[in-house]
Amino acid sequence: MIRWALLQLLSYGLLSWSVFVGIALLASRHGGWIGMFLGQCAVACVVLVLDLDYATTHAYMDMDIVFTLGVLARVVLINTVLLPVSAIGILLRRKRTKHNGNGPATATVPSVPLKS
């Protein structure tokens, strides 16, 4: 079972994983808990698109119930692995809001009289 999970995780390349991590981190950092949920849904859609693209480019594959269950299992596995990344995004959001607790910074511009 562990070997299967590792093979599923390694079936995606570095570019795909960087997209997964980027979506999970940025969505949870900018959207909070709702962003975390939406980020997980976006990652699920990306996994679905990647798997459908793979299945349609390889003519010997058929998209039956086994394919659907495999995609569902990969979505659950990848989203489970990305939960700590989303948690880091939420922690970064909280850290950012604590630093901005004093309100926005204002800059004063010296006034220059206009020549008439």
N, C-alpha and C. Protein backbone atom coordinates (compact mmCIF):
# COMPACT_ATOMS: atom_id res chain seq x y z
N MET A 1 0.82 -1.20 0.00
CA MET A 1 0.00 0.00 0.00
C MET A 1 0.87 1.26 0.00
N ILE A 2 1.94 1.27 0.80
CA ILE A 2 2.83 2.42 0.83
C ILE A 2 3.55 2.56 -0.50
N ARG A 3 3.93 1.42 -1.08
CA ARG A 3 4.60 1.46 -2.38
C ARG A 3 3.67 2.04 -3.45
N TRP A 4 2.40 1.66 -3.42
CA TRP A 4 1.42 2.18 -4.36
C TRP A 4 1.29 3.69 -4.20
N ALA A 5 1.21 4.15 -2.96
CA ALA A 5 1.06 5.58 -2.70
C ALA A 5 2.28 6.36 -3.21
N LEU A 6 3.46 5.84 -2.96
CA LEU A 6 4.67 6.51 -3.45
C LEU A 6 4.72 6.54 -4.97
N LEU A 7 4.33 5.45 -5.60
CA LEU A 7 4.30 5.44 -7.07
C LEU A 7 3.29 6.44 -7.62
N GLN A 8 2.17 6.59 -6.95
CA GLN A 8 1.17 7.57 -7.39
C GLN A 8 1.70 8.99 -7.24
N LEU A 9 2.39 9.25 -6.14
CA LEU A 9 2.94 10.58 -5.93
C LEU A 9 4.07 10.89 -6.90
N LEU A 10 4.86 9.89 -7.25
CA LEU A 10 5.97 10.09 -8.17
C LEU A 10 5.54 10.10 -9.64
N SER A 11 4.29 9.79 -9.91
CA SER A 11 3.83 9.76 -11.29
C SER A 11 3.68 11.17 -11.87
N TYR A 12 3.69 12.18 -11.01
CA TYR A 12 3.62 13.57 -11.47
C TYR A 12 5.01 14.17 -11.40
N GLY A 13 5.32 15.03 -12.35
CA GLY A 13 6.64 15.63 -12.44
C GLY A 13 6.82 16.80 -11.50
N LEU A 14 8.01 17.37 -11.55
CA LEU A 14 8.36 18.49 -10.69
C LEU A 14 7.52 19.72 -10.99
N LEU A 15 7.24 19.96 -12.26
CA LEU A 15 6.40 21.10 -12.63
C LEU A 15 4.98 20.95 -12.07
N SER A 16 4.42 19.75 -12.17
CA SER A 16 3.09 19.52 -11.63
C SER A 16 3.07 19.73 -10.12
N TRP A 17 4.08 19.20 -9.43
CA TRP A 17 4.13 19.35 -7.98
C TRP A 17 4.32 20.81 -7.57
N SER A 18 5.09 21.56 -8.35
CA SER A 18 5.25 22.97 -8.00
C SER A 18 3.93 23.72 -8.20
N VAL A 19 3.14 23.34 -9.19
CA VAL A 19 1.82 23.94 -9.38
C VAL A 19 0.90 23.55 -8.23
N PHE A 20 0.91 22.28 -7.82
CA PHE A 20 0.08 21.84 -6.70
C PHE A 20 0.42 22.61 -5.43
N VAL A 21 1.72 22.69 -5.12
CA VAL A 21 2.15 23.38 -3.90
C VAL A 21 1.83 24.87 -3.98
N GLY A 22 2.05 25.46 -5.15
CA GLY A 22 1.74 26.88 -5.31
C GLY A 22 0.27 27.20 -5.12
N ILE A 23 -0.59 26.38 -5.70
CA ILE A 23 -2.03 26.59 -5.54
C ILE A 23 -2.42 26.45 -4.08
N ALA A 24 -1.95 25.38 -3.43
CA ALA A 24 -2.33 25.14 -2.04
C ALA A 24 -1.83 26.25 -1.11
N LEU A 25 -0.60 26.68 -1.31
CA LEU A 25 -0.02 27.70 -0.43
C LEU A 25 -0.66 29.06 -0.65
N LEU A 26 -0.75 29.49 -1.90
CA LEU A 26 -1.28 30.82 -2.17
C LEU A 26 -2.78 30.93 -1.86
N ALA A 27 -3.52 29.87 -2.15
CA ALA A 27 -4.96 29.93 -1.87
C ALA A 27 -5.23 30.01 -0.38
N SER A 28 -4.49 29.24 0.42
CA SER A 28 -4.73 29.29 1.87
C SER A 28 -4.15 30.56 2.49
N ARG A 29 -3.08 31.09 1.93
CA ARG A 29 -2.49 32.31 2.48
C ARG A 29 -3.37 33.53 2.21
N HIS A 30 -3.94 33.59 1.02
CA HIS A 30 -4.74 34.76 0.67
C HIS A 30 -6.23 34.58 0.97
N GLY A 31 -6.68 33.34 1.08
CA GLY A 31 -8.11 33.12 1.28
C GLY A 31 -8.49 32.55 2.62
N GLY A 32 -7.52 32.21 3.46
CA GLY A 32 -7.84 31.64 4.77
C GLY A 32 -8.40 30.24 4.63
N TRP A 33 -9.34 29.94 5.49
CA TRP A 33 -9.94 28.60 5.49
C TRP A 33 -10.74 28.34 4.22
N ILE A 34 -11.44 29.35 3.74
CA ILE A 34 -12.20 29.18 2.50
C ILE A 34 -11.23 29.01 1.33
N GLY A 35 -10.15 29.77 1.33
CA GLY A 35 -9.13 29.63 0.30
C GLY A 35 -8.47 28.26 0.33
N MET A 36 -8.30 27.72 1.53
CA MET A 36 -7.74 26.38 1.65
C MET A 36 -8.65 25.36 0.98
N PHE A 37 -9.94 25.47 1.23
CA PHE A 37 -10.91 24.56 0.60
C PHE A 37 -10.93 24.75 -0.92
N LEU A 38 -10.94 26.00 -1.36
CA LEU A 38 -10.96 26.27 -2.80
C LEU A 38 -9.66 25.82 -3.46
N GLY A 39 -8.54 25.97 -2.76
CA GLY A 39 -7.27 25.51 -3.28
C GLY A 39 -7.23 24.00 -3.45
N GLN A 40 -7.79 23.28 -2.48
CA GLN A 40 -7.86 21.83 -2.59
C GLN A 40 -8.75 21.42 -3.77
N CYS A 41 -9.84 22.14 -3.98
CA CYS A 41 -10.71 21.86 -5.13
C CYS A 41 -9.99 22.17 -6.45
N ALA A 42 -9.21 23.24 -6.47
CA ALA A 42 -8.45 23.59 -7.68
C ALA A 42 -7.39 22.53 -7.98
N VAL A 43 -6.72 22.03 -6.94
CA VAL A 43 -5.73 20.97 -7.15
C VAL A 43 -6.42 19.71 -7.67
N ALA A 44 -7.60 19.41 -7.14
CA ALA A 44 -8.35 18.24 -7.62
C ALA A 44 -8.68 18.39 -9.10
N CYS A 45 -9.05 19.59 -9.51
CA CYS A 45 -9.36 19.82 -10.92
C CYS A 45 -8.11 19.68 -11.80
N VAL A 46 -6.98 20.16 -11.31
CA VAL A 46 -5.73 20.03 -12.08
C VAL A 46 -5.35 18.56 -12.22
N VAL A 47 -5.49 17.79 -11.14
CA VAL A 47 -5.19 16.35 -11.20
C VAL A 47 -6.13 15.67 -12.19
N LEU A 48 -7.39 16.02 -12.16
CA LEU A 48 -8.36 15.44 -13.09
C LEU A 48 -7.99 15.75 -14.54
N VAL A 49 -7.62 16.99 -14.80
CA VAL A 49 -7.24 17.38 -16.16
C VAL A 49 -5.98 16.64 -16.61
N LEU A 50 -4.99 16.55 -15.72
CA LEU A 50 -3.75 15.85 -16.07
C LEU A 50 -4.02 14.36 -16.35
N ASP A 51 -4.85 13.74 -15.53
CA ASP A 51 -5.15 12.33 -15.74
C ASP A 51 -5.98 12.10 -16.99
N LEU A 52 -6.93 12.98 -17.27
CA LEU A 52 -7.71 12.85 -18.49
C LEU A 52 -6.84 13.06 -19.72
N ASP A 53 -5.91 14.00 -19.63
CA ASP A 53 -4.99 14.22 -20.75
C ASP A 53 -4.13 12.98 -20.97
N TYR A 54 -3.64 12.39 -19.90
CA TYR A 54 -2.83 11.18 -20.04
C TYR A 54 -3.64 10.03 -20.64
N ALA A 55 -4.89 9.90 -20.19
CA ALA A 55 -5.72 8.80 -20.68
C ALA A 55 -6.10 8.97 -22.14
N THR A 56 -6.29 10.20 -22.56
CA THR A 56 -6.69 10.40 -23.96
C THR A 56 -5.50 10.32 -24.91
N THR A 57 -4.29 10.58 -24.44
CA THR A 57 -3.12 10.48 -25.32
C THR A 57 -2.61 9.06 -25.45
N HIS A 58 -2.98 8.18 -24.54
CA HIS A 58 -2.59 6.78 -24.62
C HIS A 58 -3.82 5.97 -25.03
N ALA A 59 -3.83 5.51 -26.27
CA ALA A 59 -5.02 4.90 -26.86
C ALA A 59 -5.41 3.59 -26.19
N TYR A 60 -4.47 2.92 -25.54
CA TYR A 60 -4.79 1.63 -24.95
C TYR A 60 -5.57 1.74 -23.64
N MET A 61 -5.69 2.94 -23.11
CA MET A 61 -6.40 3.11 -21.84
C MET A 61 -7.87 3.37 -22.09
N ASP A 62 -8.70 2.78 -21.30
CA ASP A 62 -10.12 3.09 -21.36
C ASP A 62 -10.52 3.76 -20.05
N MET A 63 -11.49 4.64 -20.15
CA MET A 63 -11.92 5.39 -18.98
C MET A 63 -13.19 4.74 -18.42
N ASP A 64 -13.00 3.74 -17.57
CA ASP A 64 -14.12 3.06 -16.97
C ASP A 64 -14.14 3.38 -15.48
N ILE A 65 -14.85 2.58 -14.71
CA ILE A 65 -14.99 2.82 -13.28
C ILE A 65 -13.66 2.67 -12.55
N VAL A 66 -12.78 1.82 -13.05
CA VAL A 66 -11.47 1.65 -12.42
C VAL A 66 -10.64 2.92 -12.59
N PHE A 67 -10.70 3.52 -13.77
CA PHE A 67 -10.00 4.79 -14.01
C PHE A 67 -10.56 5.87 -13.10
N THR A 68 -11.87 5.93 -12.98
CA THR A 68 -12.50 6.94 -12.13
C THR A 68 -12.10 6.76 -10.67
N LEU A 69 -12.09 5.54 -10.19
CA LEU A 69 -11.67 5.28 -8.81
C LEU A 69 -10.19 5.60 -8.61
N GLY A 70 -9.37 5.33 -9.62
CA GLY A 70 -7.96 5.66 -9.54
C GLY A 70 -7.73 7.16 -9.46
N VAL A 71 -8.46 7.93 -10.27
CA VAL A 71 -8.35 9.39 -10.22
C VAL A 71 -8.81 9.90 -8.86
N LEU A 72 -9.89 9.36 -8.36
CA LEU A 72 -10.40 9.77 -7.05
C LEU A 72 -9.38 9.45 -5.95
N ALA A 73 -8.75 8.29 -6.04
CA ALA A 73 -7.74 7.92 -5.04
C ALA A 73 -6.53 8.86 -5.12
N ARG A 74 -6.10 9.22 -6.34
CA ARG A 74 -4.98 10.14 -6.48
C ARG A 74 -5.32 11.53 -5.96
N VAL A 75 -6.54 11.98 -6.20
CA VAL A 75 -6.97 13.29 -5.70
C VAL A 75 -6.92 13.32 -4.17
N VAL A 76 -7.46 12.27 -3.55
CA VAL A 76 -7.46 12.21 -2.09
C VAL A 76 -6.03 12.13 -1.56
N LEU A 77 -5.19 11.34 -2.19
CA LEU A 77 -3.80 11.19 -1.75
C LEU A 77 -3.03 12.50 -1.88
N ILE A 78 -3.13 13.16 -3.01
CA ILE A 78 -2.39 14.40 -3.23
C ILE A 78 -2.90 15.50 -2.31
N ASN A 79 -4.21 15.61 -2.14
CA ASN A 79 -4.74 16.63 -1.25
C ASN A 79 -4.36 16.37 0.20
N THR A 80 -4.24 15.10 0.59
CA THR A 80 -3.80 14.78 1.94
C THR A 80 -2.34 15.19 2.14
N VAL A 81 -1.52 14.95 1.14
CA VAL A 81 -0.11 15.35 1.22
C VAL A 81 0.01 16.88 1.27
N LEU A 82 -0.89 17.59 0.61
CA LEU A 82 -0.82 19.05 0.56
C LEU A 82 -1.45 19.75 1.76
N LEU A 83 -2.07 19.02 2.67
CA LEU A 83 -2.67 19.66 3.85
C LEU A 83 -1.64 20.41 4.70
N PRO A 84 -0.45 19.87 4.95
CA PRO A 84 0.53 20.67 5.71
C PRO A 84 0.94 21.95 4.98
N VAL A 85 1.00 21.92 3.66
CA VAL A 85 1.32 23.13 2.90
C VAL A 85 0.23 24.17 3.09
N SER A 86 -1.02 23.74 3.07
CA SER A 86 -2.13 24.66 3.30
C SER A 86 -2.10 25.21 4.72
N ALA A 87 -1.73 24.37 5.68
CA ALA A 87 -1.62 24.84 7.07
C ALA A 87 -0.53 25.90 7.20
N ILE A 88 0.58 25.72 6.48
CA ILE A 88 1.64 26.73 6.49
C ILE A 88 1.12 28.03 5.90
N GLY A 89 0.33 27.94 4.85
CA GLY A 89 -0.26 29.15 4.25
C GLY A 89 -1.17 29.88 5.21
N ILE A 90 -1.95 29.15 5.98
CA ILE A 90 -2.82 29.79 6.97
C ILE A 90 -1.99 30.42 8.07
N LEU A 91 -0.93 29.75 8.51
CA LEU A 91 -0.05 30.34 9.53
C LEU A 91 0.63 31.60 9.01
N LEU A 92 1.04 31.61 7.75
CA LEU A 92 1.63 32.81 7.17
C LEU A 92 0.61 33.94 7.09
N ARG A 93 -0.64 33.59 6.86
CA ARG A 93 -1.70 34.60 6.83
C ARG A 93 -1.88 35.22 8.20
N ARG A 94 -1.89 34.40 9.24
CA ARG A 94 -2.04 34.92 10.60
C ARG A 94 -0.87 35.79 10.98
N LYS A 95 0.33 35.39 10.59
CA LYS A 95 1.52 36.18 10.90
C LYS A 95 1.45 37.53 10.20
N ARG A 96 0.96 37.54 8.97
CA ARG A 96 0.86 38.78 8.20
C ARG A 96 -0.17 39.72 8.83
N THR A 97 -1.29 39.19 9.31
CA THR A 97 -2.32 40.05 9.90
C THR A 97 -1.88 40.58 11.26
N LYS A 98 -1.03 39.86 11.98
CA LYS A 98 -0.53 40.37 13.26
C LYS A 98 0.39 41.55 13.03
N HIS A 99 1.21 41.52 11.99
CA HIS A 99 2.12 42.62 11.71
C HIS A 99 1.38 43.85 11.21
N ASN A 100 0.26 43.67 10.58
CA ASN A 100 -0.50 44.80 10.05
C ASN A 100 -1.57 45.27 11.01
N GLY A 101 -1.46 44.91 12.26
CA GLY A 101 -2.49 45.28 13.23
C GLY A 101 -2.52 46.75 13.58
N ASN A 102 -1.46 47.52 13.32
CA ASN A 102 -1.42 48.93 13.68
C ASN A 102 -2.08 49.82 12.64
N GLY A 103 -2.55 49.25 11.60
CA GLY A 103 -3.19 50.04 10.56
C GLY A 103 -2.22 50.34 9.43
N PRO A 104 -2.71 50.92 8.38
CA PRO A 104 -1.84 51.19 7.23
C PRO A 104 -0.86 52.32 7.55
N ALA A 105 0.28 52.19 6.97
CA ALA A 105 1.29 53.24 7.15
C ALA A 105 0.96 54.42 6.26
N THR A 106 1.18 55.62 6.77
CA THR A 106 0.92 56.81 5.97
C THR A 106 2.23 57.55 5.79
N ALA A 107 2.40 58.07 4.64
CA ALA A 107 3.60 58.84 4.33
C ALA A 107 3.21 60.30 4.19
N THR A 108 4.03 61.16 4.73
CA THR A 108 3.76 62.58 4.58
C THR A 108 4.65 63.13 3.47
N VAL A 109 4.04 63.91 2.63
CA VAL A 109 4.76 64.52 1.52
C VAL A 109 4.87 66.01 1.81
N PRO A 110 6.08 66.55 1.79
CA PRO A 110 6.20 67.98 2.06
C PRO A 110 5.50 68.79 0.96
N SER A 111 4.82 69.84 1.40
CA SER A 111 4.09 70.63 0.43
C SER A 111 5.03 71.65 -0.20
N VAL A 112 4.94 71.78 -1.48
CA VAL A 112 5.73 72.73 -2.23
C VAL A 112 4.79 73.75 -2.82
N PRO A 113 5.02 75.02 -2.55
CA PRO A 113 4.09 76.02 -3.12
C PRO A 113 4.23 76.07 -4.64
N LEU A 114 3.11 76.20 -5.28
CA LEU A 114 3.07 76.29 -6.74
C LEU A 114 3.38 77.72 -7.17
N LYS A 115 4.14 77.88 -8.21
CA LYS A 115 4.44 79.20 -8.75
C LYS A 115 3.31 79.62 -9.67
N SER A 116 2.86 80.83 -9.50
CA SER A 116 1.78 81.29 -10.35
C SER A 116 2.21 82.31 -11.34
